[in-house]
């Protein structure tokens, strides 16, 4: 399960290497999902709660971005 925590960390860091906000948010979303699973598995309450909140934030902004793109 440590591998999942490592993958989550890599994804979060990797997401910051892009310029396209859609790619940043999508990769960050996947990393946050991994962190929620990892946090639940190891019993790290604040890790999974913080990342669960981030999942909702990322999904909200991704939907907003896609709606704006659709209206253009």
PDB file of N, CA and C in Angstrom:
ATOM      1  N   UNK A   1       0.819  -1.195   0.000  1.00  0.00           N
ATOM      2  CA  UNK A   1       0.000   0.000   0.000  1.00  0.00           C
ATOM      3  C   UNK A   1       0.866   1.264   0.000  1.00  0.00           C
ATOM      4  N   UNK A   2       2.099   1.119   0.456  1.00  0.00           N
ATOM      5  CA  UNK A   2       3.015   2.264   0.411  1.00  0.00           C
ATOM      6  C   UNK A   2       3.187   2.772  -1.014  1.00  0.00           C
ATOM      7  N   UNK A   3       3.100   1.857  -1.967  1.00  0.00           N
ATOM      8  CA  UNK A   3       3.240   2.240  -3.369  1.00  0.00           C
ATOM      9  C   UNK A   3       2.142   3.221  -3.764  1.00  0.00           C
ATOM     10  N   UNK A   4       0.935   3.020  -3.264  1.00  0.00           N
ATOM     11  CA  UNK A   4      -0.165   3.928  -3.576  1.00  0.00           C
ATOM     12  C   UNK A   4       0.128   5.334  -3.053  1.00  0.00           C
ATOM     13  N   UNK A   5       0.684   5.433  -1.862  1.00  0.00           N
ATOM     14  CA  UNK A   5       1.069   6.735  -1.321  1.00  0.00           C
ATOM     15  C   UNK A   5       2.144   7.395  -2.171  1.00  0.00           C
ATOM     16  N   UNK A   6       3.081   6.600  -2.651  1.00  0.00           N
ATOM     17  CA  UNK A   6       4.135   7.114  -3.529  1.00  0.00           C
ATOM     18  C   UNK A   6       3.546   7.587  -4.859  1.00  0.00           C
ATOM     19  N   UNK A   7       2.656   6.799  -5.432  1.00  0.00           N
ATOM     20  CA  UNK A   7       2.004   7.182  -6.692  1.00  0.00           C
ATOM     21  C   UNK A   7       1.219   8.477  -6.509  1.00  0.00           C
ATOM     22  N   UNK A   8       0.501   8.579  -5.412  1.00  0.00           N
ATOM     23  CA  UNK A   8      -0.271   9.795  -5.137  1.00  0.00           C
ATOM     24  C   UNK A   8       0.641  11.010  -5.060  1.00  0.00           C
ATOM     25  N   UNK A   9       1.746  10.870  -4.362  1.00  0.00           N
ATOM     26  CA  UNK A   9       2.704  11.975  -4.240  1.00  0.00           C
ATOM     27  C   UNK A   9       3.265  12.371  -5.597  1.00  0.00           C
ATOM     28  N   UNK A  10       3.652  11.382  -6.389  1.00  0.00           N
ATOM     29  CA  UNK A  10       4.195  11.659  -7.720  1.00  0.00           C
ATOM     30  C   UNK A  10       3.162  12.379  -8.580  1.00  0.00           C
ATOM     31  N   UNK A  11       1.915  11.936  -8.531  1.00  0.00           N
ATOM     32  CA  UNK A  11       0.872  12.568  -9.333  1.00  0.00           C
ATOM     33  C   UNK A  11       0.636  14.019  -8.915  1.00  0.00           C
ATOM     34  N   UNK A  12       0.610  14.286  -7.627  1.00  0.00           N
ATOM     35  CA  UNK A  12       0.401  15.655  -7.154  1.00  0.00           C
ATOM     36  C   UNK A  12       1.545  16.549  -7.621  1.00  0.00           C
ATOM     37  N   UNK A  13       2.777  16.072  -7.458  1.00  0.00           N
ATOM     38  CA  UNK A  13       3.943  16.856  -7.899  1.00  0.00           C
ATOM     39  C   UNK A  13       3.940  17.002  -9.419  1.00  0.00           C
ATOM     40  N   UNK A  14       3.661  15.922 -10.128  1.00  0.00           N
ATOM     41  CA  UNK A  14       3.630  15.946 -11.587  1.00  0.00           C
ATOM     42  C   UNK A  14       2.590  16.936 -12.109  1.00  0.00           C
ATOM     43  N   UNK A  15       1.459  17.007 -11.436  1.00  0.00           N
ATOM     44  CA  UNK A  15       0.394  17.908 -11.899  1.00  0.00           C
ATOM     45  C   UNK A  15       0.860  19.362 -11.937  1.00  0.00           C
ATOM     46  N   UNK A  16       1.810  19.718 -11.095  1.00  0.00           N
ATOM     47  CA  UNK A  16       2.306  21.093 -11.051  1.00  0.00           C
ATOM     48  C   UNK A  16       3.315  21.398 -12.156  1.00  0.00           C
ATOM     49  N   UNK A  17       3.646  20.412 -12.958  1.00  0.00           N
ATOM     50  CA  UNK A  17       4.611  20.602 -14.036  1.00  0.00           C
ATOM     51  C   UNK A  17       3.963  21.008 -15.355  1.00  0.00           C
ATOM     52  N   UNK A  18       2.661  21.113 -15.386  1.00  0.00           N
ATOM     53  CA  UNK A  18       1.944  21.439 -16.622  1.00  0.00           C
ATOM     54  C   UNK A  18       1.453  22.879 -16.602  1.00  0.00           C
ATOM     55  N   UNK A  19       1.208  23.419 -17.772  1.00  0.00           N
ATOM     56  CA  UNK A  19       0.663  24.773 -17.893  1.00  0.00           C
ATOM     57  C   UNK A  19      -0.851  24.749 -18.077  1.00  0.00           C
ATOM     58  N   UNK A  20      -1.370  23.686 -18.672  1.00  0.00           N
ATOM     59  CA  UNK A  20      -2.795  23.582 -18.958  1.00  0.00           C
ATOM     60  C   UNK A  20      -3.555  23.266 -17.661  1.00  0.00           C
ATOM     61  N   UNK A  21      -4.455  24.153 -17.271  1.00  0.00           N
ATOM     62  CA  UNK A  21      -5.163  24.013 -15.994  1.00  0.00           C
ATOM     63  C   UNK A  21      -6.031  22.756 -15.964  1.00  0.00           C
ATOM     64  N   UNK A  22      -6.569  22.345 -17.113  1.00  0.00           N
ATOM     65  CA  UNK A  22      -7.367  21.105 -17.141  1.00  0.00           C
ATOM     66  C   UNK A  22      -6.515  19.892 -16.792  1.00  0.00           C
ATOM     67  N   UNK A  23      -5.318  19.856 -17.348  1.00  0.00           N
ATOM     68  CA  UNK A  23      -4.416  18.735 -17.071  1.00  0.00           C
ATOM     69  C   UNK A  23      -3.978  18.766 -15.608  1.00  0.00           C
ATOM     70  N   UNK A  24      -3.652  19.962 -15.117  1.00  0.00           N
ATOM     71  CA  UNK A  24      -3.248  20.108 -13.715  1.00  0.00           C
ATOM     72  C   UNK A  24      -4.339  19.573 -12.797  1.00  0.00           C
ATOM     73  N   UNK A  25      -5.561  20.033 -13.004  1.00  0.00           N
ATOM     74  CA  UNK A  25      -6.670  19.634 -12.133  1.00  0.00           C
ATOM     75  C   UNK A  25      -6.986  18.146 -12.256  1.00  0.00           C
ATOM     76  N   UNK A  26      -6.921  17.592 -13.478  1.00  0.00           N
ATOM     77  CA  UNK A  26      -7.245  16.182 -13.662  1.00  0.00           C
ATOM     78  C   UNK A  26      -6.206  15.283 -12.982  1.00  0.00           C
ATOM     79  N   UNK A  27      -4.931  15.555 -13.207  1.00  0.00           N
ATOM     80  CA  UNK A  27      -3.885  14.738 -12.579  1.00  0.00           C
ATOM     81  C   UNK A  27      -3.933  14.896 -11.065  1.00  0.00           C
ATOM     82  N   UNK A  28      -4.171  16.119 -10.600  1.00  0.00           N
ATOM     83  CA  UNK A  28      -4.278  16.365  -9.168  1.00  0.00           C
ATOM     84  C   UNK A  28      -5.471  15.603  -8.582  1.00  0.00           C
ATOM     85  N   UNK A  29      -6.563  15.536  -9.331  1.00  0.00           N
ATOM     86  CA  UNK A  29      -7.742  14.778  -8.907  1.00  0.00           C
ATOM     87  C   UNK A  29      -7.406  13.307  -8.715  1.00  0.00           C
ATOM     88  N   UNK A  30      -6.697  12.723  -9.660  1.00  0.00           N
ATOM     89  CA  UNK A  30      -6.309  11.317  -9.554  1.00  0.00           C
ATOM     90  C   UNK A  30      -5.381  11.114  -8.348  1.00  0.00           C
ATOM     91  N   UNK A  31      -4.450  12.035  -8.150  1.00  0.00           N
ATOM     92  CA  UNK A  31      -3.568  11.958  -6.991  1.00  0.00           C
ATOM     93  C   UNK A  31      -4.334  12.050  -5.684  1.00  0.00           C
ATOM     94  N   UNK A  32      -5.321  12.932  -5.630  1.00  0.00           N
ATOM     95  CA  UNK A  32      -6.132  13.069  -4.411  1.00  0.00           C
ATOM     96  C   UNK A  32      -6.948  11.811  -4.141  1.00  0.00           C
ATOM     97  N   UNK A  33      -7.471  11.197  -5.194  1.00  0.00           N
ATOM     98  CA  UNK A  33      -8.204   9.943  -5.023  1.00  0.00           C
ATOM     99  C   UNK A  33      -7.280   8.878  -4.428  1.00  0.00           C
ATOM    100  N   UNK A  34      -6.068   8.808  -4.947  1.00  0.00           N
ATOM    101  CA  UNK A  34      -5.091   7.850  -4.415  1.00  0.00           C
ATOM    102  C   UNK A  34      -4.790   8.142  -2.947  1.00  0.00           C
ATOM    103  N   UNK A  35      -4.653   9.431  -2.605  1.00  0.00           N
ATOM    104  CA  UNK A  35      -4.373   9.792  -1.214  1.00  0.00           C
ATOM    105  C   UNK A  35      -5.532   9.464  -0.285  1.00  0.00           C
ATOM    106  N   UNK A  36      -6.766   9.600  -0.764  1.00  0.00           N
ATOM    107  CA  UNK A  36      -7.914   9.227   0.067  1.00  0.00           C
ATOM    108  C   UNK A  36      -7.865   7.730   0.369  1.00  0.00           C
ATOM    109  N   UNK A  37      -7.651   6.926  -0.651  1.00  0.00           N
ATOM    110  CA  UNK A  37      -7.568   5.471  -0.450  1.00  0.00           C
ATOM    111  C   UNK A  37      -6.423   5.133   0.492  1.00  0.00           C
ATOM    112  N   UNK A  38      -5.267   5.728   0.243  1.00  0.00           N
ATOM    113  CA  UNK A  38      -4.094   5.483   1.077  1.00  0.00           C
ATOM    114  C   UNK A  38      -4.342   5.940   2.514  1.00  0.00           C
ATOM    115  N   UNK A  39      -4.907   7.129   2.677  1.00  0.00           N
ATOM    116  CA  UNK A  39      -5.185   7.653   4.014  1.00  0.00           C
ATOM    117  C   UNK A  39      -6.169   6.789   4.786  1.00  0.00           C
ATOM    118  N   UNK A  40      -7.182   6.295   4.103  1.00  0.00           N
ATOM    119  CA  UNK A  40      -8.137   5.394   4.747  1.00  0.00           C
ATOM    120  C   UNK A  40      -7.446   4.096   5.173  1.00  0.00           C
ATOM    121  N   UNK A  41      -6.598   3.581   4.301  1.00  0.00           N
ATOM    122  CA  UNK A  41      -5.909   2.318   4.583  1.00  0.00           C
ATOM    123  C   UNK A  41      -4.987   2.416   5.795  1.00  0.00           C
ATOM    124  N   UNK A  42      -4.232   3.527   5.886  1.00  0.00           N
ATOM    125  CA  UNK A  42      -3.282   3.655   7.000  1.00  0.00           C
ATOM    126  C   UNK A  42      -3.896   4.326   8.222  1.00  0.00           C
ATOM    127  N   UNK A  43      -5.150   4.758   8.104  1.00  0.00           N
ATOM    128  CA  UNK A  43      -5.827   5.385   9.237  1.00  0.00           C
ATOM    129  C   UNK A  43      -5.413   6.822   9.484  1.00  0.00           C
ATOM    130  N   UNK A  44      -4.990   7.514   8.427  1.00  0.00           N
ATOM    131  CA  UNK A  44      -4.575   8.913   8.540  1.00  0.00           C
ATOM    132  C   UNK A  44      -5.775   9.811   8.251  1.00  0.00           C
ATOM    133  N   UNK A  45      -6.515  10.115   9.289  1.00  0.00           N
ATOM    134  CA  UNK A  45      -7.772  10.848   9.182  1.00  0.00           C
ATOM    135  C   UNK A  45      -7.629  12.147   8.393  1.00  0.00           C
ATOM    136  N   UNK A  46      -6.673  12.979   8.784  1.00  0.00           N
ATOM    137  CA  UNK A  46      -6.548  14.289   8.146  1.00  0.00           C
ATOM    138  C   UNK A  46      -6.061  14.198   6.712  1.00  0.00           C
ATOM    139  N   UNK A  47      -5.320  13.177   6.395  1.00  0.00           N
ATOM    140  CA  UNK A  47      -4.868  12.986   5.012  1.00  0.00           C
ATOM    141  C   UNK A  47      -6.051  12.706   4.106  1.00  0.00           C
ATOM    142  N   UNK A  48      -6.905  11.774   4.491  1.00  0.00           N
ATOM    143  CA  UNK A  48      -8.013  11.446   3.588  1.00  0.00           C
ATOM    144  C   UNK A  48      -9.089  12.519   3.598  1.00  0.00           C
ATOM    145  N   UNK A  49      -9.302  13.194   4.726  1.00  0.00           N
ATOM    146  CA  UNK A  49     -10.313  14.262   4.747  1.00  0.00           C
ATOM    147  C   UNK A  49      -9.875  15.431   3.865  1.00  0.00           C
ATOM    148  N   UNK A  50      -8.627  15.853   4.011  1.00  0.00           N
ATOM    149  CA  UNK A  50      -8.126  16.971   3.203  1.00  0.00           C
ATOM    150  C   UNK A  50      -8.195  16.649   1.715  1.00  0.00           C
ATOM    151  N   UNK A  51      -7.829  15.443   1.365  1.00  0.00           N
ATOM    152  CA  UNK A  51      -7.843  15.064  -0.047  1.00  0.00           C
ATOM    153  C   UNK A  51      -9.253  14.829  -0.571  1.00  0.00           C
ATOM    154  N   UNK A  52     -10.159  14.402   0.281  1.00  0.00           N
ATOM    155  CA  UNK A  52     -11.559  14.285  -0.125  1.00  0.00           C
ATOM    156  C   UNK A  52     -12.122  15.665  -0.466  1.00  0.00           C
ATOM    157  N   UNK A  53     -11.785  16.647   0.346  1.00  0.00           N
ATOM    158  CA  UNK A  53     -12.195  18.029   0.064  1.00  0.00           C
ATOM    159  C   UNK A  53     -11.602  18.487  -1.263  1.00  0.00           C
ATOM    160  N   UNK A  54     -10.322  18.175  -1.482  1.00  0.00           N
ATOM    161  CA  UNK A  54      -9.676  18.550  -2.739  1.00  0.00           C
ATOM    162  C   UNK A  54     -10.327  17.881  -3.947  1.00  0.00           C
ATOM    163  N   UNK A  55     -10.811  16.672  -3.776  1.00  0.00           N
ATOM    164  CA  UNK A  55     -11.516  15.996  -4.871  1.00  0.00           C
ATOM    165  C   UNK A  55     -12.734  16.815  -5.280  1.00  0.00           C
ATOM    166  N   UNK A  56     -13.513  17.256  -4.302  1.00  0.00           N
ATOM    167  CA  UNK A  56     -14.696  18.061  -4.614  1.00  0.00           C
ATOM    168  C   UNK A  56     -14.310  19.380  -5.280  1.00  0.00           C
ATOM    169  N   UNK A  57     -13.242  20.006  -4.811  1.00  0.00           N
ATOM    170  CA  UNK A  57     -12.769  21.259  -5.409  1.00  0.00           C
ATOM    171  C   UNK A  57     -12.348  21.024  -6.858  1.00  0.00           C
ATOM    172  N   UNK A  58     -11.561  19.981  -7.093  1.00  0.00           N
ATOM    173  CA  UNK A  58     -11.092  19.707  -8.456  1.00  0.00           C
ATOM    174  C   UNK A  58     -12.251  19.377  -9.392  1.00  0.00           C
ATOM    175  N   UNK A  59     -13.182  18.568  -8.929  1.00  0.00           N
ATOM    176  CA  UNK A  59     -14.340  18.209  -9.765  1.00  0.00           C
ATOM    177  C   UNK A  59     -15.173  19.459 -10.073  1.00  0.00           C
ATOM    178  N   UNK A  60     -15.400  20.297  -9.076  1.00  0.00           N
ATOM    179  CA  UNK A  60     -16.172  21.528  -9.278  1.00  0.00           C
ATOM    180  C   UNK A  60     -15.535  22.383 -10.379  1.00  0.00           C
ATOM    181  N   UNK A  61     -14.224  22.620 -10.271  1.00  0.00           N
ATOM    182  CA  UNK A  61     -13.567  23.476 -11.250  1.00  0.00           C
ATOM    183  C   UNK A  61     -13.426  22.813 -12.611  1.00  0.00           C
ATOM    184  N   UNK A  62     -13.257  21.506 -12.657  1.00  0.00           N
ATOM    185  CA  UNK A  62     -13.219  20.824 -13.953  1.00  0.00           C
ATOM    186  C   UNK A  62     -14.565  20.944 -14.667  1.00  0.00           C
ATOM    187  N   UNK A  63     -15.655  20.765 -13.932  1.00  0.00           N
ATOM    188  CA  UNK A  63     -16.985  20.929 -14.529  1.00  0.00           C
ATOM    189  C   UNK A  63     -17.168  22.351 -15.020  1.00  0.00           C
ATOM    190  N   UNK A  64     -16.761  23.302 -14.217  1.00  0.00           N
ATOM    191  CA  UNK A  64     -16.871  24.716 -14.595  1.00  0.00           C
ATOM    192  C   UNK A  64     -16.058  25.016 -15.859  1.00  0.00           C
ATOM    193  N   UNK A  65     -14.849  24.501 -15.930  1.00  0.00           N
ATOM    194  CA  UNK A  65     -13.995  24.719 -17.102  1.00  0.00           C
ATOM    195  C   UNK A  65     -14.620  24.095 -18.350  1.00  0.00           C
ATOM    196  N   UNK A  66     -15.109  22.865 -18.223  1.00  0.00           N
ATOM    197  CA  UNK A  66     -15.710  22.197 -19.384  1.00  0.00           C
ATOM    198  C   UNK A  66     -16.999  22.872 -19.841  1.00  0.00           C
ATOM    199  N   UNK A  67     -17.776  23.402 -18.908  1.00  0.00           N
ATOM    200  CA  UNK A  67     -18.986  24.132 -19.281  1.00  0.00           C
ATOM    201  C   UNK A  67     -18.618  25.421 -20.023  1.00  0.00           C
ATOM    202  N   UNK A  68     -17.584  26.120 -19.547  1.00  0.00           N
ATOM    203  CA  UNK A  68     -17.142  27.338 -20.205  1.00  0.00           C
ATOM    204  C   UNK A  68     -16.618  27.035 -21.599  1.00  0.00           C
ATOM    205  N   UNK A  69     -15.870  25.936 -21.741  1.00  0.00           N
ATOM    206  CA  UNK A  69     -15.360  25.545 -23.048  1.00  0.00           C
ATOM    207  C   UNK A  69     -16.493  25.191 -24.009  1.00  0.00           C
ATOM    208  N   UNK A  70     -17.515  24.567 -23.478  1.00  0.00           N
ATOM    209  CA  UNK A  70     -18.661  24.147 -24.299  1.00  0.00           C
ATOM    210  C   UNK A  70     -19.425  25.373 -24.815  1.00  0.00           C
ATOM    211  N   UNK A  71     -19.464  26.432 -24.028  1.00  0.00           N
ATOM    212  CA  UNK A  71     -20.202  27.632 -24.409  1.00  0.00           C
ATOM    213  C   UNK A  71     -19.434  28.533 -25.366  1.00  0.00           C
ATOM    214  N   UNK A  72     -18.187  28.231 -25.634  1.00  0.00           N
ATOM    215  CA  UNK A  72     -17.394  29.074 -26.538  1.00  0.00           C
ATOM    216  C   UNK A  72     -17.679  28.749 -27.972  1.00  0.00           C
TER     217      UNK A  72
END
